N, C-alpha and C. Protein backbone atom coordinates (compact mmCIF):
# COMPACT_ATOMS: atom_id res chain seq x y z
N UNK A 1 124.49 -124.36 -67.47
CA UNK A 1 125.60 -123.89 -68.29
C UNK A 1 125.97 -122.48 -67.89
N UNK A 2 127.25 -122.19 -67.99
CA UNK A 2 127.74 -120.84 -67.74
C UNK A 2 127.61 -120.02 -69.02
N UNK A 3 127.44 -118.73 -68.88
CA UNK A 3 127.45 -117.82 -70.04
C UNK A 3 128.83 -117.17 -70.05
N UNK A 4 129.58 -117.41 -71.13
CA UNK A 4 130.94 -116.90 -71.27
C UNK A 4 130.92 -115.72 -72.23
N UNK A 5 131.41 -114.57 -71.75
CA UNK A 5 131.49 -113.35 -72.56
C UNK A 5 132.94 -113.15 -72.99
N UNK A 6 133.13 -112.95 -74.28
CA UNK A 6 134.48 -112.85 -74.85
C UNK A 6 134.83 -111.41 -75.20
N UNK A 7 136.11 -111.04 -75.06
CA UNK A 7 136.54 -109.71 -75.49
C UNK A 7 136.52 -109.65 -77.03
N UNK A 8 136.49 -108.45 -77.59
CA UNK A 8 136.36 -108.29 -79.04
C UNK A 8 137.34 -109.13 -79.87
N UNK A 9 138.59 -109.21 -79.48
CA UNK A 9 139.56 -109.94 -80.31
C UNK A 9 139.31 -111.44 -80.34
N UNK A 10 138.60 -111.98 -79.34
CA UNK A 10 138.29 -113.40 -79.32
C UNK A 10 136.93 -113.71 -79.94
N UNK A 11 136.07 -112.71 -80.05
CA UNK A 11 134.74 -112.92 -80.63
C UNK A 11 134.84 -113.41 -82.07
N UNK A 12 135.79 -112.89 -82.80
CA UNK A 12 135.95 -113.30 -84.20
C UNK A 12 136.28 -114.78 -84.29
N UNK A 13 137.09 -115.29 -83.38
CA UNK A 13 137.48 -116.70 -83.40
C UNK A 13 136.33 -117.62 -83.00
N UNK A 14 135.46 -117.13 -82.12
CA UNK A 14 134.34 -117.94 -81.65
C UNK A 14 133.09 -117.74 -82.49
N UNK A 15 133.05 -116.64 -83.22
CA UNK A 15 131.87 -116.33 -84.02
C UNK A 15 130.70 -115.83 -83.21
N UNK A 16 130.97 -115.37 -81.98
CA UNK A 16 129.90 -114.88 -81.11
C UNK A 16 130.48 -113.99 -80.02
N UNK A 17 129.64 -113.13 -79.47
CA UNK A 17 130.03 -112.28 -78.35
C UNK A 17 130.01 -113.06 -77.04
N UNK A 18 129.07 -114.00 -76.94
CA UNK A 18 128.98 -114.83 -75.74
C UNK A 18 128.54 -116.24 -76.14
N UNK A 19 128.87 -117.20 -75.29
CA UNK A 19 128.56 -118.60 -75.54
C UNK A 19 128.11 -119.26 -74.25
N UNK A 20 127.20 -120.21 -74.34
CA UNK A 20 126.81 -121.02 -73.20
C UNK A 20 127.68 -122.27 -73.19
N UNK A 21 128.38 -122.49 -72.07
CA UNK A 21 129.35 -123.58 -71.99
C UNK A 21 129.14 -124.34 -70.68
N UNK A 22 129.12 -125.67 -70.76
CA UNK A 22 128.95 -126.51 -69.58
C UNK A 22 130.29 -126.73 -68.88
N UNK A 23 130.23 -126.88 -67.56
CA UNK A 23 131.43 -127.18 -66.78
C UNK A 23 131.20 -126.84 -65.33
N UNK A 24 131.85 -127.59 -64.44
CA UNK A 24 131.70 -127.37 -63.01
C UNK A 24 132.77 -126.49 -62.40
N UNK A 25 133.86 -126.25 -63.17
CA UNK A 25 134.93 -125.35 -62.74
C UNK A 25 135.35 -124.50 -63.94
N UNK A 26 136.11 -123.47 -63.68
CA UNK A 26 136.62 -122.64 -64.76
C UNK A 26 137.44 -123.49 -65.72
N UNK A 27 138.27 -124.39 -65.21
CA UNK A 27 139.08 -125.26 -66.08
C UNK A 27 138.19 -126.07 -67.02
N UNK A 28 137.12 -126.66 -66.49
CA UNK A 28 136.22 -127.46 -67.33
C UNK A 28 135.55 -126.60 -68.40
N UNK A 29 135.15 -125.40 -68.03
CA UNK A 29 134.54 -124.49 -69.01
C UNK A 29 135.54 -124.13 -70.09
N UNK A 30 136.78 -123.79 -69.70
CA UNK A 30 137.80 -123.42 -70.68
C UNK A 30 138.15 -124.59 -71.59
N UNK A 31 138.22 -125.78 -71.01
CA UNK A 31 138.53 -126.97 -71.81
C UNK A 31 137.43 -127.22 -72.83
N UNK A 32 136.18 -127.14 -72.41
CA UNK A 32 135.05 -127.34 -73.33
C UNK A 32 135.04 -126.26 -74.41
N UNK A 33 135.29 -125.03 -74.00
CA UNK A 33 135.32 -123.92 -74.96
C UNK A 33 136.43 -124.14 -75.99
N UNK A 34 137.60 -124.56 -75.53
CA UNK A 34 138.72 -124.82 -76.45
C UNK A 34 138.43 -126.02 -77.36
N UNK A 35 137.77 -127.05 -76.82
CA UNK A 35 137.40 -128.21 -77.64
C UNK A 35 136.40 -127.83 -78.72
N UNK A 36 135.42 -127.01 -78.35
CA UNK A 36 134.37 -126.61 -79.30
C UNK A 36 134.85 -125.57 -80.30
N UNK A 37 135.87 -124.79 -79.91
CA UNK A 37 136.39 -123.70 -80.75
C UNK A 37 137.92 -123.77 -80.72
N UNK A 38 138.53 -124.69 -81.48
CA UNK A 38 139.98 -124.90 -81.43
C UNK A 38 140.82 -123.64 -81.65
N UNK A 39 140.31 -122.69 -82.43
CA UNK A 39 141.06 -121.46 -82.65
C UNK A 39 141.23 -120.65 -81.36
N UNK A 40 140.37 -120.88 -80.40
CA UNK A 40 140.45 -120.17 -79.12
C UNK A 40 141.45 -120.79 -78.15
N UNK A 41 141.75 -122.06 -78.32
CA UNK A 41 142.57 -122.80 -77.34
C UNK A 41 143.86 -122.07 -77.00
N UNK A 42 144.61 -121.67 -78.01
CA UNK A 42 145.88 -120.97 -77.79
C UNK A 42 145.70 -119.63 -77.11
N UNK A 43 144.58 -119.00 -77.36
CA UNK A 43 144.32 -117.67 -76.82
C UNK A 43 143.88 -117.71 -75.36
N UNK A 44 143.31 -118.84 -74.93
CA UNK A 44 142.76 -118.94 -73.58
C UNK A 44 143.73 -119.52 -72.57
N UNK A 45 144.47 -120.54 -73.00
CA UNK A 45 145.34 -121.26 -72.08
C UNK A 45 146.79 -121.22 -72.53
N UNK A 46 147.68 -121.11 -71.56
CA UNK A 46 149.12 -121.14 -71.82
C UNK A 46 149.74 -122.01 -70.74
N UNK A 47 150.36 -123.12 -71.16
CA UNK A 47 150.98 -124.05 -70.22
C UNK A 47 150.00 -124.47 -69.12
N UNK A 48 148.78 -124.80 -69.54
CA UNK A 48 147.73 -125.30 -68.66
C UNK A 48 147.27 -124.27 -67.62
N UNK A 49 147.52 -123.00 -67.89
CA UNK A 49 147.05 -121.91 -67.03
C UNK A 49 146.32 -120.90 -67.91
N UNK A 50 145.58 -120.01 -67.27
CA UNK A 50 144.93 -118.94 -68.01
C UNK A 50 146.00 -118.10 -68.70
N UNK A 51 145.79 -117.79 -69.96
CA UNK A 51 146.76 -116.99 -70.71
C UNK A 51 147.06 -115.70 -69.94
N UNK A 52 148.34 -115.30 -69.87
CA UNK A 52 148.73 -114.15 -69.04
C UNK A 52 148.11 -112.83 -69.49
N UNK A 53 147.70 -112.74 -70.75
CA UNK A 53 147.13 -111.47 -71.22
C UNK A 53 145.64 -111.35 -70.95
N UNK A 54 145.08 -112.33 -70.23
CA UNK A 54 143.66 -112.31 -69.90
C UNK A 54 143.43 -112.25 -68.40
N UNK A 55 142.37 -111.59 -68.02
CA UNK A 55 141.85 -111.62 -66.66
C UNK A 55 140.48 -112.27 -66.74
N UNK A 56 140.00 -112.74 -65.62
CA UNK A 56 138.75 -113.48 -65.60
C UNK A 56 137.87 -112.98 -64.47
N UNK A 57 136.61 -112.74 -64.78
CA UNK A 57 135.61 -112.41 -63.78
C UNK A 57 134.58 -113.54 -63.77
N UNK A 58 134.43 -114.18 -62.62
CA UNK A 58 133.46 -115.27 -62.47
C UNK A 58 132.44 -114.82 -61.43
N UNK A 59 131.20 -114.66 -61.85
CA UNK A 59 130.14 -114.19 -60.95
C UNK A 59 130.56 -112.88 -60.28
N UNK A 60 131.14 -111.98 -61.07
CA UNK A 60 131.55 -110.64 -60.62
C UNK A 60 132.72 -110.64 -59.64
N UNK A 61 133.50 -111.72 -59.61
CA UNK A 61 134.69 -111.79 -58.76
C UNK A 61 135.89 -112.07 -59.65
N UNK A 62 136.90 -111.21 -59.57
CA UNK A 62 138.11 -111.40 -60.37
C UNK A 62 138.89 -112.59 -59.82
N UNK A 63 139.35 -113.45 -60.73
CA UNK A 63 140.12 -114.63 -60.32
C UNK A 63 140.99 -115.10 -61.47
N UNK A 64 142.03 -115.83 -61.15
CA UNK A 64 142.84 -116.53 -62.15
C UNK A 64 142.89 -118.02 -61.82
N UNK A 65 142.14 -118.43 -60.80
CA UNK A 65 142.15 -119.83 -60.36
C UNK A 65 141.24 -120.66 -61.25
N UNK A 66 141.82 -121.66 -61.90
CA UNK A 66 141.05 -122.53 -62.78
C UNK A 66 140.18 -123.50 -62.00
N UNK A 67 140.41 -123.58 -60.69
CA UNK A 67 139.59 -124.46 -59.84
C UNK A 67 138.34 -123.76 -59.31
N UNK A 68 138.15 -122.50 -59.67
CA UNK A 68 136.98 -121.75 -59.23
C UNK A 68 135.70 -122.47 -59.68
N UNK A 69 134.78 -122.74 -58.74
CA UNK A 69 133.53 -123.43 -59.11
C UNK A 69 132.66 -122.56 -60.02
N UNK A 70 131.95 -123.24 -60.90
CA UNK A 70 131.03 -122.58 -61.82
C UNK A 70 129.68 -123.28 -61.70
N UNK A 71 128.64 -122.50 -61.46
CA UNK A 71 127.28 -123.04 -61.36
C UNK A 71 126.50 -122.67 -62.61
N UNK A 72 125.33 -123.30 -62.79
CA UNK A 72 124.47 -122.92 -63.90
C UNK A 72 124.17 -121.43 -63.83
N UNK A 73 124.16 -120.81 -64.97
CA UNK A 73 123.83 -119.39 -65.14
C UNK A 73 124.91 -118.45 -64.61
N UNK A 74 126.07 -118.98 -64.23
CA UNK A 74 127.18 -118.12 -63.83
C UNK A 74 127.68 -117.36 -65.05
N UNK A 75 127.96 -116.07 -64.87
CA UNK A 75 128.55 -115.28 -65.95
C UNK A 75 130.07 -115.27 -65.78
N UNK A 76 130.75 -115.60 -66.86
CA UNK A 76 132.21 -115.56 -66.90
C UNK A 76 132.60 -114.55 -67.96
N UNK A 77 133.38 -113.56 -67.56
CA UNK A 77 133.83 -112.52 -68.49
C UNK A 77 135.34 -112.60 -68.63
N UNK A 78 135.80 -112.70 -69.88
CA UNK A 78 137.23 -112.60 -70.17
C UNK A 78 137.53 -111.14 -70.44
N UNK A 79 138.53 -110.64 -69.76
CA UNK A 79 138.91 -109.24 -69.91
C UNK A 79 140.38 -109.17 -70.27
N UNK A 80 140.74 -108.30 -71.20
CA UNK A 80 142.17 -108.16 -71.50
C UNK A 80 142.89 -107.56 -70.29
N UNK A 81 144.04 -108.13 -69.95
CA UNK A 81 144.84 -107.60 -68.84
C UNK A 81 145.37 -106.22 -69.23
N UNK A 82 145.45 -105.36 -68.26
CA UNK A 82 145.96 -104.01 -68.49
C UNK A 82 147.31 -103.90 -67.80
N UNK A 83 148.29 -103.49 -68.53
CA UNK A 83 149.63 -103.35 -67.95
C UNK A 83 150.26 -102.05 -68.41
N UNK A 84 151.36 -101.77 -67.86
CA UNK A 84 152.06 -100.56 -68.24
C UNK A 84 152.81 -99.99 -67.06
N UNK A 85 153.32 -98.84 -67.28
CA UNK A 85 154.09 -98.27 -66.19
C UNK A 85 154.14 -96.79 -66.24
């Protein structure tokens, strides 16, 4: 299982700072997370893609690809996107 770390605004919806979630790809992990915590579904995915206000670090590599492989004990960190000008 992957260990998923949530940003503060999502922790309240999940009831935890981090969760262990099964899945072989980022998409599978997000789908399982959304199924287990329906309040998170809208916050994580938008039109079948990672929500635009989130960034993702998988095993210390930034990515937005939902096809990114996930192995047991992989750390996945959701980070709020930073924008501005």
